[in-house]
Amino acid sequence: MRVAVYYNNRDIRIEERPKPQIGPEELLVQVEASGICGSDVMEWYRIKKAPLVLGHEIAGRIVSKGDKVEKFKVGDRVFVSHHVPCNTCRYCLAGHHAVCETLRRTNIDPGGFSEFIRVPSINVDRGVFLLPDSMSFEEGALIEPLACTVRALRLARFQPAQTLMVVGCGVSGLLFILLARALGAGRIAAMDINEYRLNFSKKLGANAVIHANENVQDKLRQLNDGWLADLVTICTGAPSAVAQSWQYVERGGTIVFFAPPNNGADANIPIADLWKNEVTILTSYAAAPSDITNAMELIGSHKIPVSDIITHRMGLKEIGKGFQLVEKAQDSLKVIINPQN
């Protein structure tokens, strides 16, 4: 089978490997859609493990199953979660599935940027979900990134009529806009330095788009009857954006660190101001199984039109171009790879 092997952001090679052999409790899935995530192009992080096959936003079709697999059949259309929690450790029982040791150890073989993947038994048990007939493979590939935003808003206890400020309007930022709009947000402001992304944010439902070079705080107050945001989601690892985010949250509000930080990035935290104003600081990484289920329901019911953020569709042989588009972050958003092409 063909696989795309990552060596660095400018060196992704199409290589031939044997099709994975599955055990009695495993599945072989033919990958039909796999999204390139912004974390895939974090070269400082990925290159330490190179060469490897990336791809964790996966939807496909079961082509073979082990004798002991009873939940699924050949031909089923599925979303496959690459990491799965144990559901029994102290972290999982406390609702912190993302820091579960099992979740951090588990993975698929070899990765979504390949024609076929082997799904280990633990993933089969708790990380494979049937796609409804109404959901395309491309939409299925966006279940994982949407589930991550579902988790962030859940942890932040986001409520209808609240004001959301999205800092960074890449794929994650746009998913926050779509999700907050579906959940009944009062007003949504979006900030970025990229006009292409700001225009997309407006198209998808942001009430105001603000260029980072403007007086962001004033623009936010103009939008929100003099108030700042109830919730600020930081969807960029740029230190400058992080450093300014404290200025956008209202007293009693919440700031969520969502995007992976840049390598070695630090932030000066105005502790006295945050303490005085009772601002809550949260982090959110990955998604719990319940968040995946919720994301599937939102996509399947067409409450979240995730296809609207897909700007490029490519075959496996074009994946190098796809990585360049995502890394440059200029005139593209979600890039979907179909390894069968």
Foldseek 3Di string as FASTA:
>chain_A
DWAFWDQALQDTDIDDDDQDDAEQLKFKWFWFKFWDDLVNRLRVPPNVVPGAGETFLTKTFTQDHHNPHDPDDGGFTKTFGFFAAPCPDPCNVVVNRVPHPRRVPGGWPGYNRARMIMGDNVRSVQGIDTADPLDDRHLSSCLFLLLLLLVQCVVQVDAAQFEEEEEDQFLSSLSNQLVNVLRHYNAYEYEDQAPLSQVLSVVNHHPYYDYPPDPVQVVQCVVVVRFAGQEYEYADQPQVSVQCVVSRHGQLHEYEDEHDHRVPDDYDDPVVVCVVSVYYYYYTDTHHSVSSVVSSVCVSVVSRVSVSQADEEEESVCVSVVSVCSVVVHNHHMYMYGPVD
